[in-house]
Amino acid sequence: MSYLLRVQLPDRPGSLGALALALGSVGADILSLDVVERGAGFAVDDLVVEVSPGALPDTLITAAESIGDVVVDSIRPYSGVLDTHRELELIDQVAGARDDRLQVLVDGAPRVLRVGWSTVLDLGPQGAYRVVGSQSAPETQASSVPWMPLNKPTVLDPEAEWVPEIWRDMDTKLAAAPLGDSSKVLLLGRPGGPDFRPSEVARLGYLAGIVATVLG
């Protein structure tokens, strides 16, 4: 069983080693690590850890937070493919697709950006509508999208009136980015959190911009 653990820890020598030892003491193996963000004296990392079947996630949280100044932002099951070039791989898949490239984009975006689902929205005569959605995208769609058109990647208010009730009930964090100069946007949903960090929104913007260029 694998989990994606997002932790905030002091940005100083030895912090990551101490965390690895603490997780190892409860039988967890670190499979990969991504630096999500660095700030003044702290770092936010995503760790994919593997534990034995039946191990409780709370055990990982307790072990991690036994180290001073380490805070677990979130923990959730993880079944994605481990690699270090996720964005490049997805861009290559979109570029090489013969059929619906937007479908390839939304199918791959959750794995690349570690979210629950993604959709592409566009504006038509009757307002915003869904063009394509990932397999995990909710059936319930927003009836109005007042923040479109969008001119830059941004975090959206998950409690805004336009957000469907079921999305709010699932505490879905939202972020979106324009697909080039078109009216289309790539919308991401992360049920249960954690919040989107500025660096994640920047990555979303870069990815959407490059894909828009590929799409022409």
C-alpha atoms as a PDB file:
ATOM      1  CA  MET A   1       0.000   0.000   0.000  1.00  0.00           C
ATOM      2  CA  SER A   2       1.366   3.420  -0.978  1.00  0.00           C
ATOM      3  CA  TYR A   3       0.492   6.849   0.380  1.00  0.00           C
ATOM      4  CA  LEU A   4       1.233  10.369  -0.790  1.00  0.00           C
ATOM      5  CA  LEU A   5       2.395  12.306   2.252  1.00  0.00           C
ATOM      6  CA  ARG A   6       2.720  16.095   2.073  1.00  0.00           C
ATOM      7  CA  VAL A   7       4.879  17.456   4.863  1.00  0.00           C
ATOM      8  CA  GLN A   8       6.230  20.821   5.903  1.00  0.00           C
ATOM      9  CA  LEU A   9       9.643  20.572   7.531  1.00  0.00           C
ATOM     10  CA  PRO A  10      12.541  22.853   8.479  1.00  0.00           C
ATOM     11  CA  ASP A  11      14.781  23.644   5.518  1.00  0.00           C
ATOM     12  CA  ARG A  12      18.017  22.690   7.229  1.00  0.00           C
ATOM     13  CA  PRO A  13      20.571  19.874   6.910  1.00  0.00           C
ATOM     14  CA  GLY A  14      19.457  16.620   8.482  1.00  0.00           C
ATOM     15  CA  SER A  15      15.709  17.313   8.484  1.00  0.00           C
ATOM     16  CA  LEU A  16      14.906  14.951   5.634  1.00  0.00           C
ATOM     17  CA  GLY A  17      17.191  12.259   7.034  1.00  0.00           C
ATOM     18  CA  ALA A  18      15.473  12.467  10.413  1.00  0.00           C
ATOM     19  CA  LEU A  19      12.096  12.193   8.698  1.00  0.00           C
ATOM     20  CA  ALA A  20      13.221   9.136   6.729  1.00  0.00           C
ATOM     21  CA  LEU A  21      14.421   7.464   9.933  1.00  0.00           C
ATOM     22  CA  ALA A  22      11.143   8.240  11.698  1.00  0.00           C
ATOM     23  CA  LEU A  23       9.079   6.799   8.863  1.00  0.00           C
ATOM     24  CA  GLY A  24      11.359   3.807   8.618  1.00  0.00           C
ATOM     25  CA  SER A  25      10.823   3.092  12.319  1.00  0.00           C
ATOM     26  CA  VAL A  26       7.165   2.302  11.553  1.00  0.00           C
ATOM     27  CA  GLY A  27       7.975   0.187   8.502  1.00  0.00           C
ATOM     28  CA  ALA A  28       7.508   2.823   5.789  1.00  0.00           C
ATOM     29  CA  ASP A  29       9.800   3.031   2.755  1.00  0.00           C
ATOM     30  CA  ILE A  30      10.159   6.322   0.852  1.00  0.00           C
ATOM     31  CA  LEU A  31       9.737   5.594  -2.866  1.00  0.00           C
ATOM     32  CA  SER A  32       9.996   9.141  -4.205  1.00  0.00           C
ATOM     33  CA  LEU A  33      10.252  12.747  -3.098  1.00  0.00           C
ATOM     34  CA  ASP A  34       9.234  15.966  -4.828  1.00  0.00           C
ATOM     35  CA  VAL A  35      10.001  19.429  -3.450  1.00  0.00           C
ATOM     36  CA  VAL A  36       6.713  21.310  -3.782  1.00  0.00           C
ATOM     37  CA  GLU A  37       7.785  24.634  -2.331  1.00  0.00           C
ATOM     38  CA  ARG A  38      10.574  26.336  -0.392  1.00  0.00           C
ATOM     39  CA  GLY A  39      10.112  29.343   1.861  1.00  0.00           C
ATOM     40  CA  ALA A  40      11.968  31.225   4.570  1.00  0.00           C
ATOM     41  CA  GLY A  41      13.397  28.401   6.633  1.00  0.00           C
ATOM     42  CA  PHE A  42      10.941  25.708   5.573  1.00  0.00           C
ATOM     43  CA  ALA A  43      10.259  23.291   2.741  1.00  0.00           C
ATOM     44  CA  VAL A  44       7.106  21.500   1.611  1.00  0.00           C
ATOM     45  CA  ASP A  45       7.740  18.041   0.199  1.00  0.00           C
ATOM     46  CA  ASP A  46       5.571  15.345  -1.345  1.00  0.00           C
ATOM     47  CA  LEU A  47       6.714  11.867  -0.358  1.00  0.00           C
ATOM     48  CA  VAL A  48       5.354   8.637  -1.769  1.00  0.00           C
ATOM     49  CA  VAL A  49       5.795   6.016   0.948  1.00  0.00           C
ATOM     50  CA  GLU A  50       5.064   2.318   0.886  1.00  0.00           C
ATOM     51  CA  VAL A  51       3.783   0.488   3.965  1.00  0.00           C
ATOM     52  CA  SER A  52       2.736  -3.074   4.668  1.00  0.00           C
ATOM     53  CA  PRO A  53      -0.924  -3.994   4.021  1.00  0.00           C
ATOM     54  CA  GLY A  54      -3.129  -3.072   6.946  1.00  0.00           C
ATOM     55  CA  ALA A  55      -0.835  -0.333   8.259  1.00  0.00           C
ATOM     56  CA  LEU A  56      -2.765   2.703   9.502  1.00  0.00           C
ATOM     57  CA  PRO A  57      -2.132   6.123   7.933  1.00  0.00           C
ATOM     58  CA  ASP A  58      -2.254   7.651  11.422  1.00  0.00           C
ATOM     59  CA  THR A  59       0.953   5.763  12.200  1.00  0.00           C
ATOM     60  CA  LEU A  60       2.760   7.683   9.451  1.00  0.00           C
ATOM     61  CA  ILE A  61       1.444  11.009  10.706  1.00  0.00           C
ATOM     62  CA  THR A  62       2.484  10.272  14.279  1.00  0.00           C
ATOM     63  CA  ALA A  63       5.961   9.174  13.178  1.00  0.00           C
ATOM     64  CA  ALA A  64       6.513  12.223  10.968  1.00  0.00           C
ATOM     65  CA  GLU A  65       5.283  14.723  13.543  1.00  0.00           C
ATOM     66  CA  SER A  66       7.417  13.152  16.269  1.00  0.00           C
ATOM     67  CA  ILE A  67      10.211  15.259  14.775  1.00  0.00           C
ATOM     68  CA  GLY A  68      10.270  18.846  15.924  1.00  0.00           C
ATOM     69  CA  ASP A  69       8.750  21.435  13.554  1.00  0.00           C
ATOM     70  CA  VAL A  70       7.486  18.794  11.094  1.00  0.00           C
ATOM     71  CA  VAL A  71       3.820  19.157  10.137  1.00  0.00           C
ATOM     72  CA  VAL A  72       1.833  16.759   7.949  1.00  0.00           C
ATOM     73  CA  ASP A  73      -0.340  18.788   5.572  1.00  0.00           C
ATOM     74  CA  SER A  74      -2.170  15.777   4.133  1.00  0.00           C
ATOM     75  CA  ILE A  75      -2.014  12.049   3.497  1.00  0.00           C
ATOM     76  CA  ARG A  76      -3.924  10.078   0.871  1.00  0.00           C
ATOM     77  CA  PRO A  77      -3.670   6.747  -0.935  1.00  0.00           C
ATOM     78  CA  TYR A  78      -1.429   6.863  -3.974  1.00  0.00           C
ATOM     79  CA  SER A  79      -1.526   4.617  -7.014  1.00  0.00           C
ATOM     80  CA  GLY A  80       0.180   6.807  -9.586  1.00  0.00           C
ATOM     81  CA  VAL A  81       3.217   5.972 -11.680  1.00  0.00           C
ATOM     82  CA  LEU A  82       6.502   7.127 -10.172  1.00  0.00           C
ATOM     83  CA  ASP A  83       8.677   9.201 -12.493  1.00  0.00           C
ATOM     84  CA  THR A  84      10.586  12.452 -12.426  1.00  0.00           C
ATOM     85  CA  HIS A  85       9.507  13.904 -15.777  1.00  0.00           C
ATOM     86  CA  ARG A  86       5.730  13.783 -15.549  1.00  0.00           C
ATOM     87  CA  GLU A  87       5.007  17.071 -17.312  1.00  0.00           C
ATOM     88  CA  LEU A  88       7.299  16.316 -20.248  1.00  0.00           C
ATOM     89  CA  GLU A  89       5.807  12.861 -20.629  1.00  0.00           C
ATOM     90  CA  LEU A  90       2.248  14.241 -20.725  1.00  0.00           C
ATOM     91  CA  ILE A  91       3.160  16.971 -23.225  1.00  0.00           C
ATOM     92  CA  ASP A  92       4.703  14.304 -25.449  1.00  0.00           C
ATOM     93  CA  GLN A  93       1.551  12.173 -25.181  1.00  0.00           C
ATOM     94  CA  VAL A  94      -0.663  15.133 -26.117  1.00  0.00           C
ATOM     95  CA  ALA A  95       1.566  16.030 -29.059  1.00  0.00           C
ATOM     96  CA  GLY A  96       1.558  12.458 -30.351  1.00  0.00           C
ATOM     97  CA  ALA A  97      -2.158  11.816 -29.963  1.00  0.00           C
ATOM     98  CA  ARG A  98      -4.087  11.275 -33.183  1.00  0.00           C
ATOM     99  CA  ASP A  99      -7.551  11.658 -31.718  1.00  0.00           C
ATOM    100  CA  ASP A 100      -8.814  13.959 -28.973  1.00  0.00           C
ATOM    101  CA  ARG A 101      -5.748  15.648 -27.557  1.00  0.00           C
ATOM    102  CA  LEU A 102      -7.764  17.443 -24.881  1.00  0.00           C
ATOM    103  CA  GLN A 103      -8.969  14.084 -23.566  1.00  0.00           C
ATOM    104  CA  VAL A 104      -5.361  12.919 -23.348  1.00  0.00           C
ATOM    105  CA  LEU A 105      -4.570  16.086 -21.395  1.00  0.00           C
ATOM    106  CA  VAL A 106      -7.336  15.701 -18.793  1.00  0.00           C
ATOM    107  CA  ASP A 107      -6.677  11.979 -18.421  1.00  0.00           C
ATOM    108  CA  GLY A 108      -3.025  12.626 -17.620  1.00  0.00           C
ATOM    109  CA  ALA A 109      -3.264  15.843 -15.600  1.00  0.00           C
ATOM    110  CA  PRO A 110      -4.427  14.214 -12.307  1.00  0.00           C
ATOM    111  CA  ARG A 111      -1.334  11.993 -12.232  1.00  0.00           C
ATOM    112  CA  VAL A 112       1.034  14.756 -13.250  1.00  0.00           C
ATOM    113  CA  LEU A 113      -0.300  17.414 -10.886  1.00  0.00           C
ATOM    114  CA  ARG A 114      -1.471  15.038  -8.137  1.00  0.00           C
ATOM    115  CA  VAL A 115      -5.107  16.016  -8.059  1.00  0.00           C
ATOM    116  CA  GLY A 116      -8.357  14.056  -8.015  1.00  0.00           C
ATOM    117  CA  TRP A 117      -9.749  15.142 -11.378  1.00  0.00           C
ATOM    118  CA  SER A 118      -9.458  17.596 -14.251  1.00  0.00           C
ATOM    119  CA  THR A 119     -11.711  19.051 -16.926  1.00  0.00           C
ATOM    120  CA  VAL A 120     -11.465  21.468 -19.830  1.00  0.00           C
ATOM    121  CA  LEU A 121     -14.148  24.153 -19.891  1.00  0.00           C
ATOM    122  CA  ASP A 122     -15.053  26.554 -22.692  1.00  0.00           C
ATOM    123  CA  LEU A 123     -17.446  29.447 -23.210  1.00  0.00           C
ATOM    124  CA  GLY A 124     -20.380  29.143 -25.613  1.00  0.00           C
ATOM    125  CA  PRO A 125     -23.546  31.134 -26.390  1.00  0.00           C
ATOM    126  CA  GLN A 126     -25.231  29.672 -23.306  1.00  0.00           C
ATOM    127  CA  GLY A 127     -22.239  30.209 -21.017  1.00  0.00           C
ATOM    128  CA  ALA A 128     -19.530  27.842 -19.811  1.00  0.00           C
ATOM    129  CA  TYR A 129     -19.691  24.128 -20.586  1.00  0.00           C
ATOM    130  CA  ARG A 130     -17.477  21.075 -20.136  1.00  0.00           C
ATOM    131  CA  VAL A 131     -15.547  20.053 -23.242  1.00  0.00           C
ATOM    132  CA  VAL A 132     -13.877  16.951 -21.790  1.00  0.00           C
ATOM    133  CA  GLY A 133     -13.316  15.504 -18.337  1.00  0.00           C
ATOM    134  CA  SER A 134     -11.068  12.921 -16.761  1.00  0.00           C
ATOM    135  CA  GLN A 135     -12.501   9.564 -15.780  1.00  0.00           C
ATOM    136  CA  SER A 136     -12.681  10.697 -12.157  1.00  0.00           C
ATOM    137  CA  ALA A 137     -14.329  14.066 -12.887  1.00  0.00           C
ATOM    138  CA  PRO A 138     -17.627  14.554 -11.017  1.00  0.00           C
ATOM    139  CA  GLU A 139     -20.844  14.128 -12.981  1.00  0.00           C
ATOM    140  CA  THR A 140     -22.236  17.270 -11.360  1.00  0.00           C
ATOM    141  CA  GLN A 141     -21.086  20.306 -13.298  1.00  0.00           C
ATOM    142  CA  ALA A 142     -21.131  23.988 -12.429  1.00  0.00           C
ATOM    143  CA  SER A 143     -24.189  25.728 -13.837  1.00  0.00           C
ATOM    144  CA  SER A 144     -22.339  29.050 -13.998  1.00  0.00           C
ATOM    145  CA  VAL A 145     -18.658  29.920 -14.084  1.00  0.00           C
ATOM    146  CA  PRO A 146     -18.383  33.664 -13.384  1.00  0.00           C
ATOM    147  CA  TRP A 147     -14.557  33.633 -13.292  1.00  0.00           C
ATOM    148  CA  MET A 148     -14.305  32.792 -16.992  1.00  0.00           C
ATOM    149  CA  PRO A 149     -12.680  33.920 -19.215  1.00  0.00           C
ATOM    150  CA  LEU A 150      -9.401  33.493 -17.352  1.00  0.00           C
ATOM    151  CA  ASN A 151      -6.151  35.258 -18.176  1.00  0.00           C
ATOM    152  CA  LYS A 152      -3.747  33.631 -15.721  1.00  0.00           C
ATOM    153  CA  PRO A 153      -3.465  30.504 -13.559  1.00  0.00           C
ATOM    154  CA  THR A 154      -5.235  30.964 -10.252  1.00  0.00           C
ATOM    155  CA  VAL A 155      -6.616  29.278  -7.147  1.00  0.00           C
ATOM    156  CA  LEU A 156     -10.412  29.413  -7.039  1.00  0.00           C
ATOM    157  CA  ASP A 157     -12.517  29.918  -3.915  1.00  0.00           C
ATOM    158  CA  PRO A 158     -13.909  26.439  -3.088  1.00  0.00           C
ATOM    159  CA  GLU A 159     -16.778  27.995  -1.115  1.00  0.00           C
ATOM    160  CA  ALA A 160     -17.955  30.391  -3.838  1.00  0.00           C
ATOM    161  CA  GLU A 161     -21.630  30.349  -4.828  1.00  0.00           C
ATOM    162  CA  TRP A 162     -20.919  28.911  -8.286  1.00  0.00           C
ATOM    163  CA  VAL A 163     -19.269  25.769  -6.816  1.00  0.00           C
ATOM    164  CA  PRO A 164     -21.704  22.791  -6.844  1.00  0.00           C
ATOM    165  CA  GLU A 165     -22.768  21.721  -3.355  1.00  0.00           C
ATOM    166  CA  ILE A 166     -21.347  18.222  -3.739  1.00  0.00           C
ATOM    167  CA  TRP A 167     -17.931  19.698  -4.530  1.00  0.00           C
ATOM    168  CA  ARG A 168     -18.119  21.793  -1.367  1.00  0.00           C
ATOM    169  CA  ASP A 169     -19.258  18.797   0.677  1.00  0.00           C
ATOM    170  CA  MET A 170     -16.111  16.959  -0.426  1.00  0.00           C
ATOM    171  CA  ASP A 171     -13.928  19.967   0.493  1.00  0.00           C
ATOM    172  CA  THR A 172     -12.673  20.147  -3.103  1.00  0.00           C
ATOM    173  CA  LYS A 173      -9.792  22.555  -3.633  1.00  0.00           C
ATOM    174  CA  LEU A 174      -9.840  24.147  -7.094  1.00  0.00           C
ATOM    175  CA  ALA A 175      -7.327  25.717  -9.453  1.00  0.00           C
ATOM    176  CA  ALA A 176      -7.511  26.662 -13.128  1.00  0.00           C
ATOM    177  CA  ALA A 177      -5.340  27.981 -15.944  1.00  0.00           C
ATOM    178  CA  PRO A 178      -6.111  29.314 -19.436  1.00  0.00           C
ATOM    179  CA  LEU A 179      -5.202  27.173 -22.423  1.00  0.00           C
ATOM    180  CA  GLY A 180      -3.326  29.837 -24.363  1.00  0.00           C
ATOM    181  CA  ASP A 181      -5.287  32.674 -25.926  1.00  0.00           C
ATOM    182  CA  SER A 182      -8.433  30.591 -26.400  1.00  0.00           C
ATOM    183  CA  SER A 183     -11.458  30.796 -24.133  1.00  0.00           C
ATOM    184  CA  LYS A 184     -10.744  27.293 -22.822  1.00  0.00           C
ATOM    185  CA  VAL A 185      -9.416  26.626 -19.331  1.00  0.00           C
ATOM    186  CA  LEU A 186      -7.970  23.582 -17.592  1.00  0.00           C
ATOM    187  CA  LEU A 187      -9.740  23.126 -14.236  1.00  0.00           C
ATOM    188  CA  LEU A 188      -8.310  20.927 -11.471  1.00  0.00           C
ATOM    189  CA  GLY A 189     -10.142  19.506  -8.467  1.00  0.00           C
ATOM    190  CA  ARG A 190      -8.508  18.045  -5.357  1.00  0.00           C
ATOM    191  CA  PRO A 191     -11.220  16.566  -3.083  1.00  0.00           C
ATOM    192  CA  GLY A 192     -10.206  16.674   0.565  1.00  0.00           C
ATOM    193  CA  GLY A 193      -7.221  18.937  -0.093  1.00  0.00           C
ATOM    194  CA  PRO A 194      -4.534  19.903   0.516  1.00  0.00           C
ATOM    195  CA  ASP A 195      -4.656  23.508  -0.661  1.00  0.00           C
ATOM    196  CA  PHE A 196      -2.890  24.388  -3.892  1.00  0.00           C
ATOM    197  CA  ARG A 197       0.512  25.919  -3.206  1.00  0.00           C
ATOM    198  CA  PRO A 198       1.741  28.863  -5.340  1.00  0.00           C
ATOM    199  CA  SER A 199       4.387  26.632  -6.922  1.00  0.00           C
ATOM    200  CA  GLU A 200       1.697  24.125  -7.953  1.00  0.00           C
ATOM    201  CA  VAL A 201      -0.373  26.871  -9.572  1.00  0.00           C
ATOM    202  CA  ALA A 202       2.744  28.014 -11.427  1.00  0.00           C
ATOM    203  CA  ARG A 203       3.353  24.442 -12.666  1.00  0.00           C
ATOM    204  CA  LEU A 204      -0.264  24.270 -13.820  1.00  0.00           C
ATOM    205  CA  GLY A 205       0.181  27.514 -15.739  1.00  0.00           C
ATOM    206  CA  TYR A 206       3.385  26.346 -17.436  1.00  0.00           C
ATOM    207  CA  LEU A 207       1.819  23.028 -18.397  1.00  0.00           C
ATOM    208  CA  ALA A 208      -1.349  24.652 -19.788  1.00  0.00           C
ATOM    209  CA  GLY A 209       0.685  27.183 -21.736  1.00  0.00           C
ATOM    210  CA  ILE A 210       2.945  24.597 -23.360  1.00  0.00           C
ATOM    211  CA  VAL A 211       0.027  22.281 -24.176  1.00  0.00           C
ATOM    212  CA  ALA A 212      -1.844  25.212 -25.745  1.00  0.00           C
ATOM    213  CA  THR A 213       1.159  25.799 -28.011  1.00  0.00           C
ATOM    214  CA  VAL A 214       1.243  22.123 -28.954  1.00  0.00           C
ATOM    215  CA  LEU A 215      -2.476  22.204 -29.741  1.00  0.00           C
ATOM    216  CA  GLY A 216      -1.916  25.214 -31.954  1.00  0.00           C
END
